[in-house]
Every structure is written in structure tokens, then in C-alpha cells.
Protein backbone atom coordinates (compact mmCIF):
# COMPACT_ATOMS: atom_id res chain seq x y z
CA MET A 1 113.96 -57.16 192.34
CA THR A 2 111.93 -58.00 195.19
CA GLN A 3 108.29 -56.95 195.44
CA GLU A 4 109.43 -54.99 198.42
CA THR A 5 111.85 -53.21 196.42
CA HIS A 6 109.31 -52.36 193.72
CA ASP A 7 106.90 -51.08 196.01
CA ALA A 8 109.55 -48.79 197.69
CA LEU A 9 110.45 -47.46 194.27
CA ALA A 10 106.85 -47.12 192.98
CA ARG A 11 106.13 -44.90 196.17
CA HIS A 12 108.84 -42.64 195.11
CA LEU A 13 108.70 -42.67 191.38
CA LEU A 14 104.86 -42.57 190.62
CA ARG A 15 104.02 -39.33 192.20
CA THR A 16 100.30 -38.24 193.06
CA ASP A 17 100.80 -34.81 190.94
CA GLY A 18 101.86 -37.00 187.86
CA GLN A 19 105.16 -35.59 187.35
CA GLU A 20 108.16 -37.71 186.56
CA ASP A 21 110.76 -38.41 189.35
CA ILE A 22 114.25 -40.18 189.66
CA CYS A 23 116.35 -41.94 192.27
CA LEU A 24 119.34 -44.42 192.55
CA ALA A 25 119.81 -47.87 193.85
CA THR A 26 122.68 -50.55 194.07
CA TYR A 27 122.79 -53.93 192.47
CA GLU A 28 124.58 -57.32 192.88
CA VAL A 29 125.82 -59.38 189.89
CA SER A 30 124.33 -63.03 189.65
CA THR A 31 126.36 -65.01 187.09
CA GLY A 32 124.80 -67.82 185.14
CA ALA A 33 126.24 -70.08 182.58
CA ARG A 34 124.47 -68.14 179.75
CA ARG A 35 122.83 -65.41 181.55
CA ILE A 36 124.05 -62.51 183.69
CA THR A 37 121.34 -60.95 186.02
CA ARG A 38 121.69 -57.67 187.84
CA VAL A 39 119.93 -58.03 191.22
CA LEU A 40 118.71 -54.85 192.73
CA HIS A 41 119.95 -54.67 196.27
CA ALA A 42 118.97 -51.51 197.98
CA VAL A 43 117.29 -48.27 197.16
CA GLU A 44 119.04 -45.03 197.73
CA LEU A 45 116.55 -42.15 197.94
CA PRO A 46 117.69 -38.69 197.27
CA ARG A 47 118.27 -36.38 200.26
CA ASP A 48 117.41 -32.85 200.05
CA GLY A 49 118.73 -30.91 197.07
CA GLU A 50 120.06 -33.99 195.41
CA ARG A 51 117.37 -34.06 192.47
CA SER A 52 114.93 -31.60 191.03
CA VAL A 53 111.27 -32.36 190.03
CA HIS A 54 109.98 -29.83 187.21
CA GLY A 55 107.49 -32.06 185.05
CA ASN A 56 110.69 -34.04 184.21
CA ALA A 57 113.42 -34.90 186.89
CA THR A 58 117.01 -34.02 187.07
CA ILE A 59 119.65 -35.49 189.39
CA ALA A 60 122.69 -33.79 191.14
CA GLY A 61 126.10 -35.05 190.31
CA SER A 62 126.98 -35.17 194.10
CA TYR A 63 123.99 -37.66 194.71
CA VAL A 64 125.51 -40.01 191.93
CA LEU A 65 128.91 -39.83 193.37
CA ARG A 66 127.80 -40.49 196.90
CA VAL A 67 125.79 -43.56 196.01
CA ALA A 68 128.36 -44.91 193.62
CA ALA A 69 131.17 -44.66 195.99
CA GLN A 70 129.00 -46.55 198.58
CA ALA A 71 128.29 -49.13 196.13
CA ALA A 72 132.09 -49.47 195.15
CA ARG A 73 132.97 -50.08 198.75
CA ALA A 74 130.57 -53.05 198.81
CA GLY A 75 131.52 -54.36 195.42
CA ARG A 76 128.17 -53.29 193.91
CA GLY A 77 127.08 -51.33 190.93
CA LEU A 78 124.79 -48.21 190.30
CA VAL A 79 121.19 -48.29 188.92
CA LEU A 80 119.49 -45.05 187.80
CA LEU A 81 115.84 -45.18 187.82
CA HIS A 82 113.27 -42.78 186.70
CA SER A 83 109.44 -42.91 185.86
CA HIS A 84 107.37 -42.51 182.81
CA PRO A 85 103.93 -41.89 184.78
CA ARG A 86 101.73 -42.10 181.49
CA GLY A 87 103.70 -45.03 179.95
CA VAL A 88 102.28 -48.46 179.50
CA GLY A 89 104.59 -51.54 178.99
CA TRP A 90 108.20 -51.70 177.99
CA GLN A 91 109.62 -48.04 177.49
CA SER A 92 112.25 -46.70 175.17
CA LEU A 93 114.49 -43.84 176.23
CA SER A 94 113.71 -40.30 175.18
CA GLY A 95 116.44 -38.07 174.16
CA LEU A 96 116.59 -36.34 177.61
CA ASP A 97 116.89 -39.67 179.20
CA PHE A 98 119.59 -40.90 176.79
CA ASP A 99 121.50 -37.68 177.66
CA ALA A 100 120.96 -37.94 181.39
CA GLU A 101 122.08 -41.66 181.49
CA GLN A 102 124.86 -41.41 179.15
CA SER A 103 126.41 -38.47 181.22
CA TYR A 104 126.83 -40.71 184.22
CA ALA A 105 127.58 -44.01 182.62
CA GLY A 106 131.44 -43.29 182.32
CA LEU A 107 131.67 -41.99 185.95
CA THR A 108 129.86 -44.83 187.41
CA GLN A 109 132.06 -47.25 185.46
CA GLN A 110 135.23 -45.62 186.87
CA VAL A 111 133.84 -45.56 190.51
CA THR A 112 132.29 -48.96 190.79
CA GLY A 113 134.12 -50.88 188.13
CA LEU A 114 130.59 -52.21 186.85
CA PRO A 115 128.47 -50.78 184.26
CA LEU A 116 125.56 -48.39 184.99
CA VAL A 117 122.11 -49.87 184.70
CA GLY A 118 119.40 -47.54 183.72
CA MET A 119 115.76 -48.60 184.47
CA THR A 120 112.35 -47.01 183.54
CA LEU A 121 108.91 -47.53 185.62
CA ALA A 122 105.72 -47.03 183.60
CA GLY A 123 102.71 -45.94 184.91
CA ASP A 124 101.08 -49.31 184.65
CA GLY A 125 103.98 -50.74 186.96
CA SER A 126 106.00 -52.26 184.09
CA TRP A 127 109.58 -51.97 184.24
CA SER A 128 112.36 -51.65 181.33
CA ALA A 129 115.93 -51.64 181.58
CA ARG A 130 119.46 -51.25 179.70
CA ILE A 131 123.04 -51.89 180.64
CA TRP A 132 125.38 -48.98 179.58
CA SER A 133 128.52 -50.47 177.83
CA ASP A 134 131.08 -48.13 176.07
CA ALA A 135 128.60 -45.04 176.36
CA THR A 136 125.92 -47.31 174.51
CA PRO A 137 122.78 -48.63 176.04
CA VAL A 138 122.25 -52.39 175.63
CA GLY A 139 118.79 -53.60 176.10
CA VAL A 140 118.02 -56.45 178.52
CA GLU A 141 115.61 -59.30 177.79
CA ALA A 142 113.26 -58.89 180.87
CA VAL A 143 112.82 -57.29 184.38
CA ARG A 144 111.51 -59.61 187.01
CA ARG A 145 109.63 -58.65 190.09
CA VAL A 146 109.88 -61.47 192.61
CA GLY A 147 107.62 -62.24 195.84
CA THR A 148 104.67 -64.05 196.47
CA LYS A 149 103.85 -63.44 192.80
CA LEU A 150 106.29 -63.46 189.82
CA VAL A 151 105.73 -60.47 187.56
CA VAL A 152 107.96 -60.31 184.51
CA SER A 153 108.17 -57.28 182.22
CA TRP A 154 109.40 -58.43 178.86
CA ASN A 155 111.25 -56.70 176.12
CA ASP A 156 109.51 -57.90 172.95
CA ALA A 157 112.30 -56.87 170.69
CA LEU A 158 114.66 -59.48 172.29
CA ARG A 159 112.31 -62.26 173.50
CA SER A 160 109.18 -61.84 171.39
CA PRO A 161 105.93 -63.57 172.48
CA PHE A 162 105.12 -67.04 171.20
CA GLU A 163 102.01 -67.43 169.42
CA SER A 164 99.72 -69.92 170.88
CA GLU A 165 98.92 -73.36 169.31
CA GLU A 166 95.45 -74.78 168.86
CA ALA A 167 96.52 -77.40 171.17
CA GLN A 168 96.79 -74.75 173.91
CA SER A 169 93.18 -73.34 173.50
CA ARG A 170 91.81 -74.73 176.68
CA THR A 171 94.87 -73.70 178.55
CA VAL A 172 94.58 -70.08 177.14
CA SER A 173 91.03 -69.79 178.17
CA ALA A 174 92.05 -70.45 181.82
CA TRP A 175 94.12 -67.26 182.03
CA GLY A 176 93.94 -65.19 178.86
CA VAL A 177 96.11 -64.64 175.81
CA LYS A 178 98.32 -61.98 177.39
CA ARG A 179 99.08 -63.85 180.63
CA HIS A 180 99.60 -67.09 178.49
CA ARG A 181 102.18 -65.32 176.43
CA ASP A 182 104.02 -64.05 179.43
CA ILE A 183 104.21 -67.62 181.14
CA THR A 184 105.30 -69.47 177.97
CA ARG A 185 108.14 -67.05 177.64
CA MET A 186 109.47 -68.12 181.11
CA ARG A 187 112.44 -70.45 181.35
CA ILE A 188 111.79 -73.26 183.84
CA LEU A 189 114.23 -75.52 185.44
CA VAL A 190 113.17 -79.06 187.01
CA VAL A 191 116.02 -80.21 189.39
CA GLY A 192 115.68 -83.97 190.13
CA VAL A 193 113.65 -85.78 187.32
CA GLY A 194 112.73 -88.92 189.42
CA SER A 195 109.13 -89.87 189.99
CA VAL A 196 107.78 -86.33 190.78
CA GLY A 197 110.11 -84.30 188.58
CA LEU A 198 109.37 -86.49 185.49
CA ASP A 199 105.52 -85.72 185.84
CA VAL A 200 106.15 -81.92 186.43
CA VAL A 201 108.35 -81.65 183.27
CA GLN A 202 105.75 -83.57 180.94
CA ARG A 203 102.86 -81.11 182.31
CA LEU A 204 104.90 -77.97 181.89
CA ALA A 205 105.61 -79.09 178.33
CA ALA A 206 101.97 -79.76 177.59
CA THR A 207 101.02 -76.34 178.98
CA GLY A 208 102.86 -74.61 176.30
CA LEU A 209 106.33 -73.69 177.86
CA VAL A 210 108.84 -73.01 175.15
CA GLU A 211 112.17 -73.36 177.06
CA ILE A 212 112.46 -75.95 179.96
CA GLY A 213 115.55 -77.13 181.76
CA VAL A 214 116.11 -80.81 183.40
CA MET A 215 118.77 -81.25 185.81
CA ASP A 216 119.85 -84.75 187.30
CA HIS A 217 123.15 -86.54 187.74
CA ASP A 218 121.63 -89.98 187.84
CA ARG A 219 120.84 -92.85 185.67
CA ILE A 220 117.64 -95.17 185.26
CA TYR A 221 117.53 -98.27 187.05
CA GLU A 222 115.03 -101.04 187.47
CA VAL A 223 113.98 -99.85 190.91
CA ASN A 224 112.80 -96.53 189.37
CA ARG A 225 110.21 -97.99 187.00
CA ASP A 226 107.34 -98.43 189.35
CA ARG A 227 107.40 -94.49 189.52
CA MET A 228 108.98 -93.04 186.64
CA ILE A 229 106.03 -92.95 184.28
CA GLY A 230 107.27 -93.26 180.80
CA ALA A 231 110.72 -94.83 181.54
CA THR A 232 111.15 -98.31 179.62
CA ARG A 233 112.84 -101.50 180.13
CA ARG A 234 115.11 -100.43 177.24
CA ASP A 235 115.98 -97.24 179.20
CA VAL A 236 116.88 -99.56 182.15
CA ARG A 237 118.89 -101.75 180.07
CA LEU A 238 121.00 -99.18 178.49
CA ARG A 239 121.49 -97.22 181.84
CA ARG A 240 120.21 -94.07 180.24
CA ARG A 241 120.56 -90.81 181.88
CA LYS A 242 117.47 -89.55 183.78
CA VAL A 243 117.77 -86.10 181.95
CA ASP A 244 117.58 -87.89 178.63
CA VAL A 245 114.51 -89.88 179.47
CA ALA A 246 113.03 -86.68 180.74
CA ALA A 247 113.79 -84.70 177.52
CA ARG A 248 112.52 -87.06 175.49
CA LEU A 249 109.04 -87.42 177.15
CA ALA A 250 109.12 -83.56 177.47
CA ARG A 251 109.35 -83.27 173.63
CA ARG A 252 106.47 -85.75 173.02
CA ALA A 253 104.43 -83.78 175.39
CA ALA A 254 105.01 -80.37 174.21
CA THR A 255 102.44 -78.14 172.46
CA ALA A 256 104.85 -75.24 171.68
CA ARG A 257 105.97 -75.21 168.10
CA ASP A 258 109.53 -74.25 168.78
CA PHE A 259 109.95 -76.20 172.17
CA MET A 260 113.62 -76.49 173.41
CA VAL A 261 114.60 -78.79 176.32
CA HIS A 262 118.06 -78.26 177.93
CA SER A 263 119.64 -81.16 179.66
CA HIS A 264 121.87 -80.82 182.49
CA HIS A 265 123.45 -84.13 183.52
CA VAL A 266 125.20 -82.40 186.61
CA ASN A 267 124.80 -82.11 190.34
CA ILE A 268 123.01 -78.89 191.65
CA CYS A 269 125.83 -78.94 194.41
CA THR A 270 128.58 -78.15 191.84
CA PRO A 271 129.61 -74.96 190.42
CA GLU A 272 128.55 -76.27 186.96
CA GLY A 273 124.98 -77.32 188.24
CA ARG A 274 124.53 -73.92 190.16
CA ALA A 275 125.58 -71.86 187.12
CA ALA A 276 123.19 -73.58 184.87
CA ALA A 277 120.33 -72.99 187.54
CA LEU A 278 120.97 -69.38 187.42
CA ASP A 279 119.97 -69.27 183.80
CA TYR A 280 116.28 -69.89 184.65
CA ASP A 281 113.39 -67.94 185.93
CA ILE A 282 111.60 -70.62 188.18
CA ILE A 283 113.15 -73.69 189.66
CA PHE A 284 111.10 -76.85 190.63
CA SER A 285 113.01 -78.74 193.60
CA CYS A 286 112.18 -82.28 193.05
CA VAL A 287 115.09 -83.70 195.06
CA ASP A 288 115.27 -85.87 198.30
CA ARG A 289 118.50 -84.88 199.94
CA PRO A 290 119.04 -82.05 202.28
CA TRP A 291 122.14 -80.53 200.49
CA PRO A 292 120.63 -79.84 197.04
CA ARG A 293 117.63 -78.50 198.93
CA ALA A 294 119.79 -76.04 200.90
CA VAL A 295 121.67 -75.03 197.49
CA LEU A 296 118.28 -74.33 195.88
CA ASN A 297 117.06 -72.47 198.93
CA THR A 298 119.96 -69.89 198.90
CA LEU A 299 119.25 -69.23 195.13
CA ALA A 300 115.57 -68.48 195.88
CA TYR A 301 116.74 -65.44 198.06
CA ALA A 302 120.07 -64.53 197.07
CA ASP A 303 119.28 -64.64 193.14
CA LEU A 304 115.60 -64.09 193.20
CA ILE A 305 114.77 -67.17 191.50
CA PRO A 306 111.44 -68.64 193.12
CA VAL A 307 112.05 -72.32 194.02
CA ILE A 308 108.89 -74.63 194.32
CA ASP A 309 109.72 -77.52 196.43
CA GLY A 310 107.77 -80.69 197.37
CA GLY A 311 108.33 -83.92 199.05
CA ILE A 312 106.33 -86.97 200.55
CA ALA A 313 106.90 -89.10 203.59
CA ILE A 314 105.40 -92.53 203.98
CA ASP A 315 105.09 -94.32 207.38
CA THR A 316 104.68 -97.88 207.97
CA PHE A 317 103.69 -100.22 210.93
CA ASP A 318 106.12 -102.95 212.06
CA ASP A 319 104.27 -105.51 209.75
CA GLY A 320 104.86 -103.35 206.81
CA ALA A 321 101.29 -102.08 206.26
CA MET A 322 100.88 -98.30 205.54
CA ARG A 323 100.31 -96.22 208.60
CA SER A 324 99.98 -92.86 206.70
CA ALA A 325 101.82 -90.64 204.11
CA THR A 326 102.37 -87.04 204.27
CA ARG A 327 103.16 -84.70 201.47
CA ARG A 328 104.60 -81.11 201.72
CA SER A 329 104.68 -78.24 199.23
CA GLN A 330 105.92 -74.81 199.51
CA THR A 331 107.59 -71.84 197.31
CA ALA A 332 110.80 -70.56 198.73
CA THR A 333 110.64 -66.88 197.56
CA PRO A 334 110.95 -63.33 199.27
CA GLY A 335 107.85 -62.68 201.26
CA ARG A 336 107.49 -66.40 202.34
CA PRO A 337 109.68 -68.29 204.96
CA CYS A 338 112.63 -70.24 203.34
CA LEU A 339 112.80 -74.05 203.46
CA ALA A 340 115.06 -74.07 206.79
CA CYS A 341 112.56 -71.58 208.72
CA THR A 342 109.61 -74.23 207.87
CA GLY A 343 111.60 -77.38 208.65
CA GLN A 344 111.89 -78.91 205.24
CA ILE A 345 115.66 -78.61 205.75
CA ASP A 346 117.67 -79.68 208.66
CA MET A 347 120.90 -77.82 208.42
CA SER A 348 122.86 -80.18 210.57
CA GLU A 349 122.01 -82.89 207.92
CA VAL A 350 123.21 -80.45 205.25
CA ALA A 351 126.70 -80.26 207.22
CA LEU A 352 126.80 -84.08 207.41
CA GLU A 353 126.11 -84.56 203.77
CA MET A 354 128.60 -81.71 202.65
CA GLY A 355 131.28 -83.84 204.78
CA GLY A 356 130.29 -87.12 203.13
CA ASN A 357 129.03 -88.37 206.37
CA LEU A 358 125.17 -88.64 205.56
CA ASP A 359 124.29 -91.93 203.76
CA ASN A 360 121.20 -91.76 201.65
CA PRO A 361 118.77 -89.94 203.97
CA GLY A 362 115.02 -90.55 203.18
CA TYR A 363 111.85 -89.13 204.39
CA ILE A 364 110.87 -92.37 206.20
CA ARG A 365 112.09 -92.46 209.91
CA ASP A 366 112.88 -96.25 210.11
CA ALA A 367 114.83 -97.14 206.96
CA ARG A 368 115.44 -100.68 208.28
CA ARG A 369 111.98 -101.55 207.45
CA SER A 370 112.30 -100.78 203.59
CA PRO A 371 114.19 -103.27 201.20
CA VAL A 372 114.83 -100.76 198.76
CA SER A 373 117.27 -97.87 199.94
CA GLY A 374 114.94 -96.80 202.88
CA ARG A 375 112.54 -94.54 200.76
CA PRO A 376 109.18 -95.97 200.35
CA ASN A 377 107.38 -94.32 197.46
CA VAL A 378 104.10 -94.77 195.43
CA ALA A 379 103.70 -93.84 191.92
CA ALA A 380 99.73 -92.77 192.92
CA LEU A 381 101.01 -90.63 195.76
CA CYS A 382 103.96 -88.92 193.45
CA ALA A 383 101.19 -87.56 191.20
CA ALA A 384 99.70 -85.68 194.41
CA VAL A 385 103.05 -84.37 195.03
CA SER A 386 103.70 -82.87 191.34
CA GLY A 387 100.08 -81.77 191.34
CA SER A 388 100.67 -79.57 194.58
CA GLN A 389 103.92 -78.09 193.11
CA LEU A 390 102.16 -77.31 189.87
CA GLU A 391 99.43 -75.59 191.76
CA HIS A 392 102.11 -73.43 193.30
CA PHE A 393 103.39 -72.63 189.77
CA VAL A 394 100.05 -71.68 188.67
CA THR A 395 99.50 -69.46 191.64
CA LEU A 396 102.90 -67.94 191.38
CA VAL A 397 102.59 -66.89 187.52
CA ALA A 398 98.85 -66.65 187.14
CA HIS A 399 97.79 -65.04 190.32
CA PRO A 400 94.34 -66.46 190.48
CA GLY A 401 91.86 -64.24 192.22
CA GLY A 402 94.65 -61.83 192.52
CA GLN A 403 96.41 -63.95 195.50
CA GLY A 404 100.23 -65.12 195.60
CA VAL A 405 101.62 -68.42 196.82
CA PRO A 406 100.67 -69.41 200.30
CA ASN A 407 102.71 -70.59 203.14
CA ALA A 408 104.07 -74.37 203.12
CA LEU A 409 101.24 -76.80 202.77
CA ARG A 410 101.07 -80.26 204.38
CA PHE A 411 98.53 -82.90 203.53
CA THR A 412 98.19 -86.00 205.71
CA LEU A 413 96.58 -88.97 204.01
CA ALA A 414 95.18 -91.00 206.92
CA THR A 415 93.06 -88.14 208.16
CA HIS A 416 92.78 -86.33 204.86
CA HIS A 417 93.69 -83.11 206.43
CA LEU A 418 95.22 -80.21 204.65
CA GLU A 419 97.28 -77.67 206.78
CA HIS A 420 98.65 -74.45 206.18
CA LEU A 421 101.73 -74.48 208.24
CA PRO A 422 102.05 -71.45 210.57
CA HIS A 423 105.74 -70.88 210.12
CA ASN A 424 106.67 -67.08 209.86
CA ARG A 425 109.92 -65.39 208.32
CA GLN A 426 112.76 -65.31 210.71
CA LEU A 427 114.45 -62.01 211.49
CA TYR A 428 117.87 -63.51 211.85
CA CYS A 429 117.69 -66.33 209.20
CA THR A 430 120.96 -66.69 207.57
CA THR A 431 119.31 -67.37 204.12
CA GLU A 432 116.57 -64.48 204.30
CA THR A 433 119.07 -61.91 205.47
CA CYS A 434 121.20 -62.53 202.26
CA THR A 435 118.18 -61.70 199.92
CA ALA A 436 119.38 -60.01 196.72
CA MET A 437 123.16 -60.75 197.31
CA GLY A 438 123.67 -62.53 194.05
CA ASP A 439 127.36 -63.99 193.51
CA HIS A 440 127.95 -62.79 197.29
CA ARG A 441 125.54 -65.47 198.52
CA ALA A 442 126.54 -68.04 201.11
CA ASP A 443 128.63 -70.91 199.20
CA LEU A 444 127.37 -74.35 199.76
CA ILE A 445 129.00 -75.56 196.63
CA ARG A 446 131.88 -78.15 196.11
CA PRO A 447 133.74 -78.47 192.92
CA ASP A 448 134.04 -82.42 193.22
CA ILE A 449 131.47 -84.65 194.70
CA PRO A 450 132.38 -88.27 194.39
CA TRP A 451 128.74 -89.63 194.19
CA ALA A 452 127.91 -87.11 191.61
CA ARG A 453 130.20 -88.52 188.87
CA ASP A 454 128.60 -90.37 186.08
CA GLN A 455 129.35 -94.00 186.95
CA GLY A 456 126.16 -95.59 185.80
CA ALA A 457 127.30 -96.86 182.38
CA SER A 458 127.49 -100.58 182.08
CA ILE A 459 127.61 -101.04 178.36
CA SER A 460 130.04 -99.90 175.77
CA ALA A 461 129.83 -96.21 174.53
CA GLY A 462 129.94 -97.65 170.92
CA ARG A 463 126.87 -99.93 171.70
CA ARG A 464 124.94 -97.13 173.35
CA TRP A 465 125.53 -94.67 170.59
CA ALA A 466 124.30 -97.05 168.10
CA GLN A 467 120.99 -97.86 170.09
CA ASN A 468 120.40 -94.17 170.98
CA LEU A 469 120.67 -93.53 167.19
CA VAL A 470 118.09 -96.15 166.35
CA ASP A 471 115.73 -94.72 169.11
CA ARG A 472 116.02 -91.39 167.75
CA VAL A 473 115.05 -92.76 164.19
CA VAL A 474 112.01 -94.42 165.63
CA GLU A 475 110.93 -91.46 167.48
CA LYS A 476 111.10 -89.18 164.67
CA LEU A 477 108.96 -91.70 162.56
CA LEU A 478 106.52 -91.96 165.13
CA ASN A 479 106.15 -88.31 165.65
CA VAL A 480 105.62 -87.79 161.74
């Protein structure tokens, strides 16, 4: 749910007189490759006579029917929410709670065609939830509260906290044991594992994250080696996939004992790529084309998955000397302007790229000056971009000083000037008005993208398999 939705529910459910309360909401479905998320769409508070508060709280059947019918017309599901004002952390169902939710589960399924979701708000602001299937509540793994801060209530029975390792002791001391356990349980996806993304992946792994995904449809070439720190000549010779190199380096940097890295050799603009992205809690956008950025921008709002975006522009004089460089970073999340509203995406370029009419756009204004693809880049400056994105990540999940992520930031190298860009949320922004729409989001996906196909292999499959096997054996021996 959004932070705004949480605030509205907390005002109603956490009463000043300490009694329990109850209300309804509707939800949209967000379907990933391995995970299905129920996204709270709208709060529907009770009208006069539709609920009774008497220490506990009871709900009228007419209220349930009214909101269920409203949800059915929009293709949404129903959520039944109540409070435990004295509760702390994840809550279990009392006998009365069980009976109340079970009594409406069948009716909700019949009217909406979707299962009833039950939710409980504890007095400390923690949420718990379950999904009713065949008159039986099925626990969910977590409830995410998304805004300028990301707050996750975890179901320890389904995703238990991971014990910190000695190698993480300095990290734990920065934000405490409890926050570290909450952060390391999050699933993080890095889309685009070139110069910036490769650095982000390794630093997340070193922080102690247990589950990281890497997504890129490209392979390693010689032109990448001046920025992709850790990629080798052998990687170039074998035309290795960028995701495989990123996974290898992430495993080497990882400090978590049970570290997992998922490699997605797909394009985010395809159905497979988008479905994979919906399995994660936070996404790093390390892409350099407008279409992938636009796809990620929609997920940040429609599916409530914060997207941390960054990029660099390098400008040169006519004689080839550097004029300046500008880096930008921002988090696309409810409560902050989207990437289009801040000018990070030009939707006309998105339309051109979707039609196959945009050839390799870069941040540099005059592509003819560059002998290499029109996109000047410097490894030393890539580190600044990844560092800025990681600062957004820490702010989003650790909330230093109680603060959330800022508006978009822009740093100009020549003048050493850091700006907080003054962009505001737009009332009629097509992305932000589709917040919490889940699978009803704007569709920017194409099932077949010619330049996304894997055409980078130039050696035989048998030879590549043998050399990869040797590399894995050597890597294991080095890690012993």
C-alpha cells in the first residue's frame, strides 16, 4: 500500500479511545513470475450504521455487499481490515477475528471472483495479512508500505530474519540489528548491469542482502572493459552475458551465508522481463534508454515497487576536451514526482523507440563527436552515479534522521554544484494517476523486440560450456 493509504487507514483504525475498529478497502492484483502481490487501491470507510464499535468491532453485511459489488464492477478484490491497538509486530488471528473473516470469505469470492484479503494493523503501525482460499486463511510473506520511505512488516514464519555475519558488523553498527534484518530480507533487482549497475550489485551483496536479481539482455564486449570493473578479457573473448559476470562478482562480494543471485537475461520491455521485475521489492534502474526507463517508471507507481534511477551526461568541446559532466539520481515512488515529470524521460523518445525509430540515444547532445556509440563515459564518474543511487537506497530503507528520499538530485562537475531539482508532482500525470493499478497499469510492453534477442555469441556452444565449467571449478577453488 502507499504511505497515503496507510495514513488514512491508521487514522480510522487506531482510535484515540483504544477500541478496535474495522473497515474495507479494494485491491488490484500485480502478477509477477513467482510472486503475486495484492495492491491496496482505495479505502472505503463505513457509512453510518455499517459497523459497530464495542471494545471489539463488528461489520454489517450490507457494507460488505456494497463494497464487494463496487470492487467487482472495477475488476478488483475486497480487503477486510481491523486493528489490534495494543498489538506489536505481526499479528495472528483471534477466534473472533477468524470467524468474522471466514463468514465473508465465500461471499466475497462469489461477488468479486477474487479471494478475500484480511489485514490487521497493530498499535505500533505494523501490518499483517492473509488471503482466504477455500475458507482457509493463507499467510502472506510481508506487507510493504511504500512512499518516500519503504517500511516492510515481515511474517517471520514465512521469511525468517537472517542472522548477521561477522563480516557485516560495521554495517550493522550503522543502523542496528533489527533494521539490518529487515533490510537484508528485501529482494533487490538491478536492471542494467553495465558500468553503474555492476558496482551497485557488488555493494548490495557486500552489505548483506541475501537475494539479489540482475537483469540485462546484453553481452560483454571490449568497449565495456574501461567501465565494467571486474569484467575480464576472457569474458570478452567468450562473449559472456553481462548478467553472468554480475552474478559472479556478486557472489564474490557477498557477505550473507545463504546468498542467492538470480540472473535474468531478458529485456525489461518484454513480458518476461516485466514479470520477473514484479517479484522484487526495490528496483535499481541503471539503463540508458528511454523505453526501459518508462517501463520501470510505470512499475514504481502502478505496482508500488520503488525505482532508484540514475544517469550521467558528459559534454565535450569541439576539440574533444571535457566541458562538464552532470549526474542525476532520483527515486520514483508515490510521494515523489515520476521520471517523466522530472524530465528524466522524454515520452516522445519512448514512442520513437517503441516503434523502432530511435537509434541508440545517449546522454551526450552531439553523438558525432564520439568514436564509440555516441555515449562518452568514464569509470571514475560511474562510481559517483552508483554512489548517489546507493545513497537513495539507504535513505529509502534506513530513514537516516527520520527522513525519506529527496526529490531528484543533479550534480554538475564543472561547478561542483548539487541541486535539489524543484519538480512537483503533476495532477494529471498519466503515470502517477495510475498509482496502485497493478495489472491494469499502462502497457508499454512488446512481446518481441528484435534488438533484445541474444545474438552476441560468436563461439560454439560446446566450447563455451567447457570454458564456463573450467571457470566455475577455478572459482570454487579460489573461494575455498
